[in-house]
Protein backbone atom coordinates (compact mmCIF):
# COMPACT_ATOMS: atom_id res chain seq x y z
CA MET A 1 8.70 -11.13 0.43
CA LYS A 2 4.98 -11.09 -0.43
CA PRO A 3 3.45 -8.28 1.78
CA THR A 4 0.12 -9.29 3.34
CA ARG A 5 -2.49 -6.85 4.89
CA LYS A 6 -3.34 -7.55 8.49
CA SER A 7 -6.92 -8.91 8.73
CA ASP A 8 -8.18 -6.55 11.33
CA VAL A 9 -7.42 -3.26 9.10
CA ARG A 10 -10.42 -1.98 7.34
CA VAL A 11 -10.61 0.23 4.13
CA LYS A 12 -13.46 2.98 3.88
CA ILE A 13 -13.92 5.31 1.05
CA VAL A 14 -14.61 8.73 2.39
CA GLY A 15 -14.96 11.67 0.01
CA GLY A 16 -13.22 9.63 -2.92
CA GLU A 17 -10.29 8.99 -0.59
CA SER A 18 -9.33 5.59 0.74
CA VAL A 19 -8.80 5.46 4.58
CA LEU A 20 -7.34 2.59 6.52
CA TYR A 21 -8.35 2.00 9.99
CA ARG A 22 -8.75 -0.45 12.88
CA LYS A 23 -11.87 -0.43 15.17
CA ASN A 24 -10.04 0.00 18.35
CA GLU A 25 -7.52 2.68 17.17
CA LYS A 26 -8.06 6.28 16.81
CA ALA A 27 -5.48 6.65 14.01
CA VAL A 28 -6.89 6.72 10.35
CA HIS A 29 -4.54 6.33 7.37
CA VAL A 30 -5.39 8.38 4.09
CA LEU A 31 -3.89 6.77 0.85
CA ASN A 32 -2.95 8.49 -2.16
CA ALA A 33 -3.83 6.67 -5.53
CA THR A 34 -0.46 4.90 -5.57
CA ALA A 35 -0.51 3.93 -1.93
CA LYS A 36 -3.98 2.48 -2.43
CA LEU A 37 -2.78 0.44 -5.38
CA ILE A 38 0.20 -0.92 -3.22
CA TRP A 39 -2.15 -1.64 -0.41
CA GLU A 40 -4.53 -3.70 -2.59
CA LEU A 41 -1.65 -5.56 -3.92
CA CYS A 42 -0.40 -6.44 -0.44
CA ASP A 43 -2.61 -9.69 -0.72
CA GLY A 44 0.11 -12.20 0.04
CA LYS A 45 0.36 -13.17 -3.56
CA HIS A 46 2.25 -10.21 -4.99
CA SER A 47 5.88 -9.63 -4.55
CA GLU A 48 7.54 -6.35 -4.30
CA ALA A 49 8.71 -6.79 -7.84
CA ASP A 50 5.20 -7.61 -8.97
CA ILE A 51 3.80 -4.45 -7.12
CA GLU A 52 6.62 -2.47 -8.99
CA LYS A 53 5.27 -3.49 -12.41
CA GLU A 54 1.84 -2.78 -11.53
CA ILE A 55 2.74 0.80 -10.62
CA ARG A 56 4.69 1.21 -13.89
CA VAL A 57 1.56 -0.21 -15.73
CA SER A 58 -1.11 1.87 -13.89
CA PHE A 59 0.61 5.20 -13.70
CA SER A 60 2.83 7.54 -15.93
CA VAL A 61 6.25 6.94 -14.55
CA PRO A 62 9.08 9.23 -15.57
CA GLU A 63 12.12 7.62 -17.15
CA GLY A 64 14.74 6.86 -14.61
CA HIS A 65 12.40 7.02 -11.61
CA ASP A 66 12.98 4.72 -8.78
CA VAL A 67 9.72 2.90 -8.54
CA ALA A 68 11.28 0.07 -6.40
CA ALA A 69 12.51 2.41 -3.85
CA ASP A 70 8.97 4.14 -3.81
CA VAL A 71 7.31 0.88 -3.23
CA ARG A 72 9.71 -0.15 -0.56
CA ARG A 73 9.32 3.03 1.33
CA THR A 74 5.34 2.50 1.18
CA LEU A 75 5.82 -0.98 2.47
CA ASP A 76 8.03 0.43 5.18
CA THR A 77 5.46 2.71 6.31
CA PHE A 78 2.72 0.13 6.43
CA VAL A 79 4.96 -1.89 8.56
CA ALA A 80 5.74 0.74 10.68
CA LYS A 81 2.02 1.57 11.17
CA GLU A 82 1.70 -2.23 11.87
CA LEU A 83 -0.86 -2.32 8.89
CA LEU A 84 1.04 -5.49 7.44
CA ALA A 85 1.63 -8.70 8.74
CA VAL A 86 5.59 -9.57 8.82
């Protein structure tokens, strides 16, 4: 699977934080640095494995930490909040 952002979701930087929103919704989604990188890589070109590799390169990940599970959990959250096209 190569996750893809829905085209109607907007990103705005507010006080140094990345916020996802849609014009007609009241909900906003504030991303931490890891979720922000995952979001940026949801471009339809990167697989989950690609995203995991980028997380490992971009952050200090403790030995034995299950990055794949973290990526999957974040993607599942994006899907549940209807931010990704599936």
